Amino acid sequence: MSGPTAALRLIDGTALRAMLLGVRHDPGPVRREADPDPELVGLAESPFESVGEVIERLEALESALRDRSDRRAVFLTVYSRMTRAIRAGVDSGRFGDPEWMRRYTIAFADYYRRAFLAFERGRLGGVPAPWRVAFDTAVSGSGLVVQDAFLGINAHINYDLALTLCDVGIDPDRPAKRADHRAVDGVLRRLVDAQQEALVEIYDASGVADVDAALGRFDEAFALLGMTEGREQAWRVAVVTTDVGFPPVRSYARWVLRTTATGGAAFVLSPGVDAGLLRSLRRAEREGVDVDAALDRLVDRLEDAVPE
């Protein structure tokens, strides 16, 4: 396969739409004026050695962020439960290559850890653009809980995942590894559905009308490069970068990932929700939604969706 032909395979219609948004909305460097928090840095400083350590430290980081009312905890609430569900699948024999799935899970978590650590230390040049948007929105409190969740999912699935697949390798026995990669989709869909149900309950309890309509628009934002499509895109990128040794194609692939994920973030932040309804959601979060209680409800829904 030639370099140009391979490069064209990286883009489908959905990815092109996201790329156009990403080109127009590149966030540039964000300002990080807070001093690094020693406890948070300590939890993220060293690479993960096992899936068990990934879960233990992600959950410790989630707890530390919640203690600080830091909304970076929202994504971690979803991600740590996802990782636990993957470990349960490995332990129960759900995957054909459990050792590859363990390496995949650890490498994937390390991309999040490195982005978090660079942001916390103020080394913004080391934070990929989709993560800069997610982290800056969370620490500033400028978004909704639903946006904090989807911005993290977008950055991790639509940027980190393809790079993870390239790191751990998709050969030998590529069809078996692809089957394991796809087997994760069902777990993730259940988690996203549970997240949505929890959010509807949270906003309903605060008296916001037309919650379903508002969150439906966020669903459309997520569908721009959604869970399944984003994971398929990640596999395509891994195939092209594995099969083509042409360095410009590899650089182009990374640019495609960064630009599409940045476009996904832009769409999550501006999902086309009616302005009055968006104001109602923001007011509900300001006046009637306790973020810690909302995360407790989210945990309950997530654990019901994918019990170990």
C-alpha atoms as a PDB file:
ATOM      1  CA  MET A   1       0.000   0.000   0.000  1.00  0.00           C
ATOM      2  CA  SER A   2       1.476   3.395  -0.959  1.00  0.00           C
ATOM      3  CA  GLY A   3       1.858   6.228   1.521  1.00  0.00           C
ATOM      4  CA  PRO A   4      -0.759   8.525  -0.100  1.00  0.00           C
ATOM      5  CA  THR A   5      -3.279   5.697  -0.461  1.00  0.00           C
ATOM      6  CA  ALA A   6      -2.799   4.712   3.170  1.00  0.00           C
ATOM      7  CA  ALA A   7      -3.175   8.318   4.285  1.00  0.00           C
ATOM      8  CA  LEU A   8      -6.550   8.616   2.572  1.00  0.00           C
ATOM      9  CA  ARG A   9      -7.779   5.574   4.497  1.00  0.00           C
ATOM     10  CA  LEU A  10      -7.402   7.517   7.741  1.00  0.00           C
ATOM     11  CA  ILE A  11     -10.315   9.828   6.942  1.00  0.00           C
ATOM     12  CA  ASP A  12     -13.989   8.999   6.563  1.00  0.00           C
ATOM     13  CA  GLY A  13     -16.894  11.432   6.460  1.00  0.00           C
ATOM     14  CA  THR A  14     -17.296  11.607  10.233  1.00  0.00           C
ATOM     15  CA  ALA A  15     -13.592  12.172  10.804  1.00  0.00           C
ATOM     16  CA  LEU A  16     -13.537  14.875   8.122  1.00  0.00           C
ATOM     17  CA  ARG A  17     -16.338  16.759   9.864  1.00  0.00           C
ATOM     18  CA  ALA A  18     -14.426  16.613  13.151  1.00  0.00           C
ATOM     19  CA  MET A  19     -11.184  17.642  11.461  1.00  0.00           C
ATOM     20  CA  LEU A  20     -12.799  20.764   9.997  1.00  0.00           C
ATOM     21  CA  LEU A  21     -14.004  21.736  13.462  1.00  0.00           C
ATOM     22  CA  GLY A  22     -10.574  20.995  14.909  1.00  0.00           C
ATOM     23  CA  VAL A  23      -8.766  23.205  12.406  1.00  0.00           C
ATOM     24  CA  ARG A  24     -11.087  26.102  13.257  1.00  0.00           C
ATOM     25  CA  HIS A  25     -10.961  25.593  17.030  1.00  0.00           C
ATOM     26  CA  ASP A  26      -7.376  24.729  17.917  1.00  0.00           C
ATOM     27  CA  PRO A  27      -7.208  25.877  21.544  1.00  0.00           C
ATOM     28  CA  GLY A  28      -3.545  26.888  21.604  1.00  0.00           C
ATOM     29  CA  PRO A  29      -1.759  26.892  24.964  1.00  0.00           C
ATOM     30  CA  VAL A  30      -4.000  27.270  27.991  1.00  0.00           C
ATOM     31  CA  ARG A  31      -2.922  29.123  31.096  1.00  0.00           C
ATOM     32  CA  ARG A  32      -2.167  27.010  34.154  1.00  0.00           C
ATOM     33  CA  GLU A  33      -1.552  29.420  37.007  1.00  0.00           C
ATOM     34  CA  ALA A  34      -2.079  27.091  39.973  1.00  0.00           C
ATOM     35  CA  ASP A  35       0.933  25.547  41.656  1.00  0.00           C
ATOM     36  CA  PRO A  36       1.293  21.773  41.215  1.00  0.00           C
ATOM     37  CA  ASP A  37      -0.435  19.777  43.941  1.00  0.00           C
ATOM     38  CA  PRO A  38       2.173  17.400  45.454  1.00  0.00           C
ATOM     39  CA  GLU A  39      -0.364  14.655  46.204  1.00  0.00           C
ATOM     40  CA  LEU A  40      -1.798  14.707  42.682  1.00  0.00           C
ATOM     41  CA  VAL A  41       1.684  14.753  41.154  1.00  0.00           C
ATOM     42  CA  GLY A  42       2.706  11.832  43.364  1.00  0.00           C
ATOM     43  CA  LEU A  43      -0.266   9.748  42.227  1.00  0.00           C
ATOM     44  CA  ALA A  44       0.531  10.385  38.548  1.00  0.00           C
ATOM     45  CA  GLU A  45       4.310  10.528  38.581  1.00  0.00           C
ATOM     46  CA  SER A  46       5.404   6.946  37.885  1.00  0.00           C
ATOM     47  CA  PRO A  47       4.332   4.617  35.051  1.00  0.00           C
ATOM     48  CA  PHE A  48       1.769   1.925  35.761  1.00  0.00           C
ATOM     49  CA  GLU A  49       3.109  -1.597  36.176  1.00  0.00           C
ATOM     50  CA  SER A  50      -0.100  -3.662  36.260  1.00  0.00           C
ATOM     51  CA  VAL A  51      -3.835  -3.381  35.636  1.00  0.00           C
ATOM     52  CA  GLY A  52      -4.406  -3.653  39.376  1.00  0.00           C
ATOM     53  CA  GLU A  53      -2.110  -0.676  39.952  1.00  0.00           C
ATOM     54  CA  VAL A  54      -3.924   1.288  37.226  1.00  0.00           C
ATOM     55  CA  ILE A  55      -7.236   0.791  39.030  1.00  0.00           C
ATOM     56  CA  GLU A  56      -5.812   1.508  42.486  1.00  0.00           C
ATOM     57  CA  ARG A  57      -4.117   4.756  41.463  1.00  0.00           C
ATOM     58  CA  LEU A  58      -6.917   6.004  39.208  1.00  0.00           C
ATOM     59  CA  GLU A  59      -9.382   5.538  42.045  1.00  0.00           C
ATOM     60  CA  ALA A  60      -7.009   7.234  44.512  1.00  0.00           C
ATOM     61  CA  LEU A  61      -6.643  10.139  42.070  1.00  0.00           C
ATOM     62  CA  GLU A  62     -10.419  10.307  41.616  1.00  0.00           C
ATOM     63  CA  SER A  63     -10.860  10.444  45.400  1.00  0.00           C
ATOM     64  CA  ALA A  64      -8.204  13.153  45.791  1.00  0.00           C
ATOM     65  CA  LEU A  65      -9.828  15.262  43.070  1.00  0.00           C
ATOM     66  CA  ARG A  66     -13.248  14.870  44.665  1.00  0.00           C
ATOM     67  CA  ASP A  67     -11.814  16.001  48.010  1.00  0.00           C
ATOM     68  CA  ARG A  68     -10.672  19.174  46.232  1.00  0.00           C
ATOM     69  CA  SER A  69     -13.982  19.675  44.333  1.00  0.00           C
ATOM     70  CA  ASP A  70     -11.868  19.381  41.188  1.00  0.00           C
ATOM     71  CA  ARG A  71     -14.084  18.411  38.267  1.00  0.00           C
ATOM     72  CA  ARG A  72     -11.359  16.392  36.610  1.00  0.00           C
ATOM     73  CA  ALA A  73     -12.870  13.701  38.863  1.00  0.00           C
ATOM     74  CA  VAL A  74     -15.908  13.432  36.550  1.00  0.00           C
ATOM     75  CA  PHE A  75     -14.044  11.681  33.725  1.00  0.00           C
ATOM     76  CA  LEU A  76     -12.083   9.550  36.192  1.00  0.00           C
ATOM     77  CA  THR A  77     -15.339   8.310  37.712  1.00  0.00           C
ATOM     78  CA  VAL A  78     -16.235   6.834  34.311  1.00  0.00           C
ATOM     79  CA  TYR A  79     -12.713   5.750  33.332  1.00  0.00           C
ATOM     80  CA  SER A  80     -11.815   3.928  36.543  1.00  0.00           C
ATOM     81  CA  ARG A  81     -15.039   1.894  36.318  1.00  0.00           C
ATOM     82  CA  MET A  82     -14.324   1.115  32.688  1.00  0.00           C
ATOM     83  CA  THR A  83     -10.886  -0.178  33.627  1.00  0.00           C
ATOM     84  CA  ARG A  84     -12.336  -2.351  36.372  1.00  0.00           C
ATOM     85  CA  ALA A  85     -14.807  -3.802  33.864  1.00  0.00           C
ATOM     86  CA  ILE A  86     -11.969  -4.613  31.452  1.00  0.00           C
ATOM     87  CA  ARG A  87     -10.015  -6.358  34.197  1.00  0.00           C
ATOM     88  CA  ALA A  88     -13.106  -8.411  35.083  1.00  0.00           C
ATOM     89  CA  GLY A  89     -13.361  -9.433  31.418  1.00  0.00           C
ATOM     90  CA  VAL A  90      -9.708 -10.469  31.326  1.00  0.00           C
ATOM     91  CA  ASP A  91     -10.057 -12.471  34.548  1.00  0.00           C
ATOM     92  CA  SER A  92     -13.216 -14.224  33.324  1.00  0.00           C
ATOM     93  CA  GLY A  93     -11.691 -15.288  29.988  1.00  0.00           C
ATOM     94  CA  ARG A  94     -13.779 -12.939  27.838  1.00  0.00           C
ATOM     95  CA  PHE A  95     -10.792 -12.016  25.655  1.00  0.00           C
ATOM     96  CA  GLY A  96      -8.815 -14.285  23.346  1.00  0.00           C
ATOM     97  CA  ASP A  97      -5.438 -12.739  24.206  1.00  0.00           C
ATOM     98  CA  PRO A  98      -5.594 -11.715  27.866  1.00  0.00           C
ATOM     99  CA  GLU A  99      -1.908 -10.770  28.067  1.00  0.00           C
ATOM    100  CA  TRP A 100      -2.291  -8.379  25.117  1.00  0.00           C
ATOM    101  CA  MET A 101      -5.390  -6.872  26.771  1.00  0.00           C
ATOM    102  CA  ARG A 102      -3.428  -6.294  29.976  1.00  0.00           C
ATOM    103  CA  ARG A 103      -0.658  -4.477  28.074  1.00  0.00           C
ATOM    104  CA  TYR A 104      -3.293  -2.541  26.094  1.00  0.00           C
ATOM    105  CA  THR A 105      -5.054  -1.436  29.309  1.00  0.00           C
ATOM    106  CA  ILE A 106      -1.824  -0.355  31.029  1.00  0.00           C
ATOM    107  CA  ALA A 107      -0.472   1.537  27.991  1.00  0.00           C
ATOM    108  CA  PHE A 108      -3.836   3.253  27.488  1.00  0.00           C
ATOM    109  CA  ALA A 109      -3.908   4.434  31.108  1.00  0.00           C
ATOM    110  CA  ASP A 110      -0.349   5.723  30.814  1.00  0.00           C
ATOM    111  CA  TYR A 111      -1.405   8.140  28.061  1.00  0.00           C
ATOM    112  CA  TYR A 112      -3.972   9.641  30.444  1.00  0.00           C
ATOM    113  CA  ARG A 113      -1.462   9.673  33.314  1.00  0.00           C
ATOM    114  CA  ARG A 114       1.179  11.516  31.274  1.00  0.00           C
ATOM    115  CA  ALA A 115      -1.297  14.130  30.048  1.00  0.00           C
ATOM    116  CA  PHE A 116      -2.625  14.675  33.583  1.00  0.00           C
ATOM    117  CA  LEU A 117       0.881  14.947  35.041  1.00  0.00           C
ATOM    118  CA  ALA A 118       2.076  17.438  32.423  1.00  0.00           C
ATOM    119  CA  PHE A 119      -1.016  19.604  32.971  1.00  0.00           C
ATOM    120  CA  GLU A 120      -0.712  19.478  36.756  1.00  0.00           C
ATOM    121  CA  ARG A 121       2.945  20.499  36.550  1.00  0.00           C
ATOM    122  CA  GLY A 122       2.109  23.346  34.189  1.00  0.00           C
ATOM    123  CA  ARG A 123       4.110  21.842  31.327  1.00  0.00           C
ATOM    124  CA  LEU A 124       1.427  22.646  28.797  1.00  0.00           C
ATOM    125  CA  GLY A 125       3.554  21.906  25.750  1.00  0.00           C
ATOM    126  CA  GLY A 126       3.398  18.251  26.780  1.00  0.00           C
ATOM    127  CA  VAL A 127      -0.402  18.175  27.013  1.00  0.00           C
ATOM    128  CA  PRO A 128      -2.172  17.149  23.763  1.00  0.00           C
ATOM    129  CA  ALA A 129      -4.705  19.714  22.574  1.00  0.00           C
ATOM    130  CA  PRO A 130      -7.824  17.572  23.281  1.00  0.00           C
ATOM    131  CA  TRP A 131      -6.644  17.044  26.864  1.00  0.00           C
ATOM    132  CA  ARG A 132      -5.838  20.754  27.279  1.00  0.00           C
ATOM    133  CA  VAL A 133      -9.468  21.516  26.442  1.00  0.00           C
ATOM    134  CA  ALA A 134     -10.792  18.804  28.787  1.00  0.00           C
ATOM    135  CA  PHE A 135      -8.569  19.699  31.739  1.00  0.00           C
ATOM    136  CA  ASP A 136      -8.936  23.453  31.377  1.00  0.00           C
ATOM    137  CA  THR A 137     -12.729  23.197  31.190  1.00  0.00           C
ATOM    138  CA  ALA A 138     -12.790  20.963  34.270  1.00  0.00           C
ATOM    139  CA  VAL A 139     -10.474  23.015  36.507  1.00  0.00           C
ATOM    140  CA  SER A 140     -12.162  26.275  35.532  1.00  0.00           C
ATOM    141  CA  GLY A 141     -15.638  24.842  36.214  1.00  0.00           C
ATOM    142  CA  SER A 142     -16.838  26.483  33.003  1.00  0.00           C
ATOM    143  CA  GLY A 143     -18.618  23.406  31.627  1.00  0.00           C
ATOM    144  CA  LEU A 144     -21.422  21.132  32.690  1.00  0.00           C
ATOM    145  CA  VAL A 145     -20.900  17.745  34.313  1.00  0.00           C
ATOM    146  CA  VAL A 146     -21.966  16.113  31.040  1.00  0.00           C
ATOM    147  CA  GLN A 147     -19.339  18.135  29.163  1.00  0.00           C
ATOM    148  CA  ASP A 148     -16.595  17.240  31.643  1.00  0.00           C
ATOM    149  CA  ALA A 149     -17.402  13.560  31.131  1.00  0.00           C
ATOM    150  CA  PHE A 150     -17.575  13.673  27.328  1.00  0.00           C
ATOM    151  CA  LEU A 151     -14.484  15.869  26.919  1.00  0.00           C
ATOM    152  CA  GLY A 152     -12.388  13.305  28.770  1.00  0.00           C
ATOM    153  CA  ILE A 153     -13.891  10.382  26.858  1.00  0.00           C
ATOM    154  CA  ASN A 154     -13.299  12.204  23.568  1.00  0.00           C
ATOM    155  CA  ALA A 155      -9.620  12.887  24.302  1.00  0.00           C
ATOM    156  CA  HIS A 156      -8.915   9.376  25.547  1.00  0.00           C
ATOM    157  CA  ILE A 157     -10.754   7.449  22.835  1.00  0.00           C
ATOM    158  CA  ASN A 158     -10.214   9.709  19.853  1.00  0.00           C
ATOM    159  CA  TYR A 159      -6.597  10.673  20.528  1.00  0.00           C
ATOM    160  CA  ASP A 160      -4.911   8.272  22.968  1.00  0.00           C
ATOM    161  CA  LEU A 161      -6.320   4.957  21.790  1.00  0.00           C
ATOM    162  CA  ALA A 162      -4.719   4.757  18.343  1.00  0.00           C
ATOM    163  CA  LEU A 163      -1.344   5.651  19.826  1.00  0.00           C
ATOM    164  CA  THR A 164      -1.843   2.922  22.424  1.00  0.00           C
ATOM    165  CA  LEU A 165      -2.561   0.336  19.724  1.00  0.00           C
ATOM    166  CA  CYS A 166       0.597   1.365  17.876  1.00  0.00           C
ATOM    167  CA  ASP A 167       2.627   1.011  21.089  1.00  0.00           C
ATOM    168  CA  VAL A 168       1.379  -2.457  22.062  1.00  0.00           C
ATOM    169  CA  GLY A 169       1.236  -3.706  18.457  1.00  0.00           C
ATOM    170  CA  ILE A 170      -1.605  -5.296  16.529  1.00  0.00           C
ATOM    171  CA  ASP A 171       0.469  -8.250  15.253  1.00  0.00           C
ATOM    172  CA  PRO A 172       0.866 -11.191  15.258  1.00  0.00           C
ATOM    173  CA  ASP A 173      -2.634 -12.685  14.916  1.00  0.00           C
ATOM    174  CA  ARG A 174      -4.191  -9.372  13.964  1.00  0.00           C
ATOM    175  CA  PRO A 175      -7.763 -10.744  13.548  1.00  0.00           C
ATOM    176  CA  ALA A 176      -7.777 -12.040  17.133  1.00  0.00           C
ATOM    177  CA  LYS A 177      -6.523  -8.732  18.484  1.00  0.00           C
ATOM    178  CA  ARG A 178      -9.124  -6.859  16.455  1.00  0.00           C
ATOM    179  CA  ALA A 179     -11.820  -9.120  17.939  1.00  0.00           C
ATOM    180  CA  ASP A 180     -10.581  -8.320  21.458  1.00  0.00           C
ATOM    181  CA  HIS A 181     -10.471  -4.609  20.629  1.00  0.00           C
ATOM    182  CA  ARG A 182     -14.087  -4.778  19.440  1.00  0.00           C
ATOM    183  CA  ALA A 183     -15.179  -6.852  22.437  1.00  0.00           C
ATOM    184  CA  VAL A 184     -14.586  -3.785  24.617  1.00  0.00           C
ATOM    185  CA  ASP A 185     -17.280  -1.826  22.743  1.00  0.00           C
ATOM    186  CA  GLY A 186     -20.219  -3.478  24.470  1.00  0.00           C
ATOM    187  CA  VAL A 187     -18.840  -2.652  27.913  1.00  0.00           C
ATOM    188  CA  LEU A 188     -18.219   0.957  26.934  1.00  0.00           C
ATOM    189  CA  ARG A 189     -21.693   1.392  25.455  1.00  0.00           C
ATOM    190  CA  ARG A 190     -23.266   0.199  28.699  1.00  0.00           C
ATOM    191  CA  LEU A 191     -21.138   2.651  30.664  1.00  0.00           C
ATOM    192  CA  VAL A 192     -22.074   5.595  28.442  1.00  0.00           C
ATOM    193  CA  ASP A 193     -25.764   4.658  28.634  1.00  0.00           C
ATOM    194  CA  ALA A 194     -25.520   4.446  32.438  1.00  0.00           C
ATOM    195  CA  GLN A 195     -23.783   7.819  32.517  1.00  0.00           C
ATOM    196  CA  GLN A 196     -26.596   9.346  30.485  1.00  0.00           C
ATOM    197  CA  GLU A 197     -29.285   7.846  32.722  1.00  0.00           C
ATOM    198  CA  ALA A 198     -27.552   9.253  35.815  1.00  0.00           C
ATOM    199  CA  LEU A 199     -27.313  12.717  34.262  1.00  0.00           C
ATOM    200  CA  VAL A 200     -30.999  12.730  33.326  1.00  0.00           C
ATOM    201  CA  GLU A 201     -31.844  11.859  36.928  1.00  0.00           C
ATOM    202  CA  ILE A 202     -29.538  14.597  38.259  1.00  0.00           C
ATOM    203  CA  TYR A 203     -30.992  17.365  36.086  1.00  0.00           C
ATOM    204  CA  ASP A 204     -34.568  16.113  36.487  1.00  0.00           C
ATOM    205  CA  ALA A 205     -34.175  16.355  40.251  1.00  0.00           C
ATOM    206  CA  SER A 206     -33.141  19.993  39.814  1.00  0.00           C
ATOM    207  CA  GLY A 207     -36.323  20.823  37.934  1.00  0.00           C
ATOM    208  CA  VAL A 208     -34.835  21.376  34.471  1.00  0.00           C
ATOM    209  CA  ALA A 209     -37.443  20.903  31.739  1.00  0.00           C
ATOM    210  CA  ASP A 210     -36.637  19.116  28.455  1.00  0.00           C
ATOM    211  CA  VAL A 211     -33.565  17.401  29.879  1.00  0.00           C
ATOM    212  CA  ASP A 212     -33.867  14.580  27.363  1.00  0.00           C
ATOM    213  CA  ALA A 213     -33.764  17.065  24.478  1.00  0.00           C
ATOM    214  CA  ALA A 214     -30.670  18.776  25.850  1.00  0.00           C
ATOM    215  CA  LEU A 215     -28.761  15.600  26.540  1.00  0.00           C
ATOM    216  CA  GLY A 216     -29.823  14.280  23.151  1.00  0.00           C
ATOM    217  CA  ARG A 217     -27.821  17.091  21.579  1.00  0.00           C
ATOM    218  CA  PHE A 218     -24.803  16.061  23.638  1.00  0.00           C
ATOM    219  CA  ASP A 219     -25.366  12.531  22.363  1.00  0.00           C
ATOM    220  CA  GLU A 220     -25.141  13.910  18.839  1.00  0.00           C
ATOM    221  CA  ALA A 221     -21.921  15.669  19.768  1.00  0.00           C
ATOM    222  CA  PHE A 222     -20.530  12.425  21.051  1.00  0.00           C
ATOM    223  CA  ALA A 223     -21.689  10.627  17.906  1.00  0.00           C
ATOM    224  CA  LEU A 224     -19.475  13.000  15.890  1.00  0.00           C
ATOM    225  CA  LEU A 225     -16.676  10.605  16.693  1.00  0.00           C
ATOM    226  CA  GLY A 226     -18.493   8.449  19.163  1.00  0.00           C
ATOM    227  CA  MET A 227     -17.438   5.478  21.204  1.00  0.00           C
ATOM    228  CA  THR A 228     -17.679   2.798  18.522  1.00  0.00           C
ATOM    229  CA  GLU A 229     -16.666   5.011  15.591  1.00  0.00           C
ATOM    230  CA  GLY A 230     -13.769   6.491  17.525  1.00  0.00           C
ATOM    231  CA  ARG A 231     -12.496   3.025  18.358  1.00  0.00           C
ATOM    232  CA  GLU A 232     -12.800   1.953  14.716  1.00  0.00           C
ATOM    233  CA  GLN A 233     -10.868   5.055  13.689  1.00  0.00           C
ATOM    234  CA  ALA A 234      -8.171   4.154  16.217  1.00  0.00           C
ATOM    235  CA  TRP A 235      -7.836   0.692  14.681  1.00  0.00           C
ATOM    236  CA  ARG A 236      -7.574   2.130  11.157  1.00  0.00           C
ATOM    237  CA  VAL A 237      -4.797   4.467  12.263  1.00  0.00           C
ATOM    238  CA  ALA A 238      -2.945   1.584  13.921  1.00  0.00           C
ATOM    239  CA  VAL A 239      -3.228  -0.535  10.768  1.00  0.00           C
ATOM    240  CA  VAL A 240      -1.909   2.219   8.520  1.00  0.00           C
ATOM    241  CA  THR A 241       0.993   3.168  10.776  1.00  0.00           C
ATOM    242  CA  THR A 242       1.890  -0.517  11.237  1.00  0.00           C
ATOM    243  CA  ASP A 243       1.722  -1.430   7.554  1.00  0.00           C
ATOM    244  CA  VAL A 244       3.351   1.707   6.153  1.00  0.00           C
ATOM    245  CA  GLY A 245       6.877   2.576   7.190  1.00  0.00           C
ATOM    246  CA  PHE A 246       6.735   5.930   5.423  1.00  0.00           C
ATOM    247  CA  PRO A 247       7.515   8.545   8.154  1.00  0.00           C
ATOM    248  CA  PRO A 248       5.308  11.345   6.726  1.00  0.00           C
ATOM    249  CA  VAL A 249       2.289   9.018   6.946  1.00  0.00           C
ATOM    250  CA  ARG A 250       2.989   8.449  10.638  1.00  0.00           C
ATOM    251  CA  SER A 251       3.242  12.189  11.263  1.00  0.00           C
ATOM    252  CA  TYR A 252       0.067  12.775   9.281  1.00  0.00           C
ATOM    253  CA  ALA A 253      -1.745  10.082  11.275  1.00  0.00           C
ATOM    254  CA  ARG A 254      -0.881  11.842  14.546  1.00  0.00           C
ATOM    255  CA  TRP A 255      -2.091  15.146  13.080  1.00  0.00           C
ATOM    256  CA  VAL A 256      -5.381  13.501  12.065  1.00  0.00           C
ATOM    257  CA  LEU A 257      -5.873  12.183  15.607  1.00  0.00           C
ATOM    258  CA  ARG A 258      -5.090  15.514  17.233  1.00  0.00           C
ATOM    259  CA  THR A 259      -7.282  17.500  14.856  1.00  0.00           C
ATOM    260  CA  THR A 260     -10.300  15.177  14.928  1.00  0.00           C
ATOM    261  CA  ALA A 261     -10.226  14.913  18.736  1.00  0.00           C
ATOM    262  CA  THR A 262      -9.905  18.696  19.072  1.00  0.00           C
ATOM    263  CA  GLY A 263     -12.890  19.024  16.743  1.00  0.00           C
ATOM    264  CA  GLY A 264     -14.821  16.559  18.891  1.00  0.00           C
ATOM    265  CA  ALA A 265     -14.043  18.703  21.946  1.00  0.00           C
ATOM    266  CA  ALA A 266     -15.253  21.835  20.160  1.00  0.00           C
ATOM    267  CA  PHE A 267     -18.535  20.117  19.334  1.00  0.00           C
ATOM    268  CA  VAL A 268     -19.028  18.914  22.922  1.00  0.00           C
ATOM    269  CA  LEU A 269     -18.533  22.491  24.137  1.00  0.00           C
ATOM    270  CA  SER A 270     -20.978  23.915  21.551  1.00  0.00           C
ATOM    271  CA  PRO A 271     -23.545  21.170  20.944  1.00  0.00           C
ATOM    272  CA  GLY A 272     -26.310  23.384  19.570  1.00  0.00           C
ATOM    273  CA  VAL A 273     -28.503  23.174  22.673  1.00  0.00           C
ATOM    274  CA  ASP A 274     -31.152  25.909  22.890  1.00  0.00           C
ATOM    275  CA  ALA A 275     -29.579  28.882  24.689  1.00  0.00           C
ATOM    276  CA  GLY A 276     -32.380  29.104  27.242  1.00  0.00           C
ATOM    277  CA  LEU A 277     -32.151  25.408  28.041  1.00  0.00           C
ATOM    278  CA  LEU A 278     -28.375  25.617  28.344  1.00  0.00           C
ATOM    279  CA  ARG A 279     -28.803  28.483  30.835  1.00  0.00           C
ATOM    280  CA  SER A 280     -31.231  26.304  32.805  1.00  0.00           C
ATOM    281  CA  LEU A 281     -28.705  23.476  32.944  1.00  0.00           C
ATOM    282  CA  ARG A 282     -25.952  25.835  34.102  1.00  0.00           C
ATOM    283  CA  ARG A 283     -28.231  27.400  36.708  1.00  0.00           C
ATOM    284  CA  ALA A 284     -29.226  23.940  37.975  1.00  0.00           C
ATOM    285  CA  GLU A 285     -25.587  23.002  38.422  1.00  0.00           C
ATOM    286  CA  ARG A 286     -24.820  26.268  40.171  1.00  0.00           C
ATOM    287  CA  GLU A 287     -27.793  26.240  42.509  1.00  0.00           C
ATOM    288  CA  GLY A 288     -29.204  22.745  42.761  1.00  0.00           C
ATOM    289  CA  VAL A 289     -26.588  20.161  41.783  1.00  0.00           C
ATOM    290  CA  ASP A 290     -23.981  19.113  44.286  1.00  0.00           C
ATOM    291  CA  VAL A 291     -21.175  17.702  42.130  1.00  0.00           C
ATOM    292  CA  ASP A 292     -20.074  15.213  44.787  1.00  0.00           C
ATOM    293  CA  ALA A 293     -23.629  13.876  45.135  1.00  0.00           C
ATOM    294  CA  ALA A 294     -23.908  13.773  41.342  1.00  0.00           C
ATOM    295  CA  LEU A 295     -20.755  11.663  41.172  1.00  0.00           C
ATOM    296  CA  ASP A 296     -22.157   9.299  43.809  1.00  0.00           C
ATOM    297  CA  ARG A 297     -25.234   8.805  41.648  1.00  0.00           C
ATOM    298  CA  LEU A 298     -23.044   8.300  38.591  1.00  0.00           C
ATOM    299  CA  VAL A 299     -20.991   5.655  40.425  1.00  0.00           C
ATOM    300  CA  ASP A 300     -24.155   3.787  41.394  1.00  0.00           C
ATOM    301  CA  ARG A 301     -25.387   3.709  37.795  1.00  0.00           C
ATOM    302  CA  LEU A 302     -22.009   2.694  36.378  1.00  0.00           C
ATOM    303  CA  GLU A 303     -21.552  -0.151  38.822  1.00  0.00           C
ATOM    304  CA  ASP A 304     -25.070  -1.420  38.148  1.00  0.00           C
ATOM    305  CA  ALA A 305     -24.302  -1.376  34.405  1.00  0.00           C
ATOM    306  CA  VAL A 306     -21.093  -3.427  34.550  1.00  0.00           C
ATOM    307  CA  PRO A 307     -20.926  -5.326  37.844  1.00  0.00           C
ATOM    308  CA  GLU A 308     -17.706  -7.250  38.418  1.00  0.00           C
END
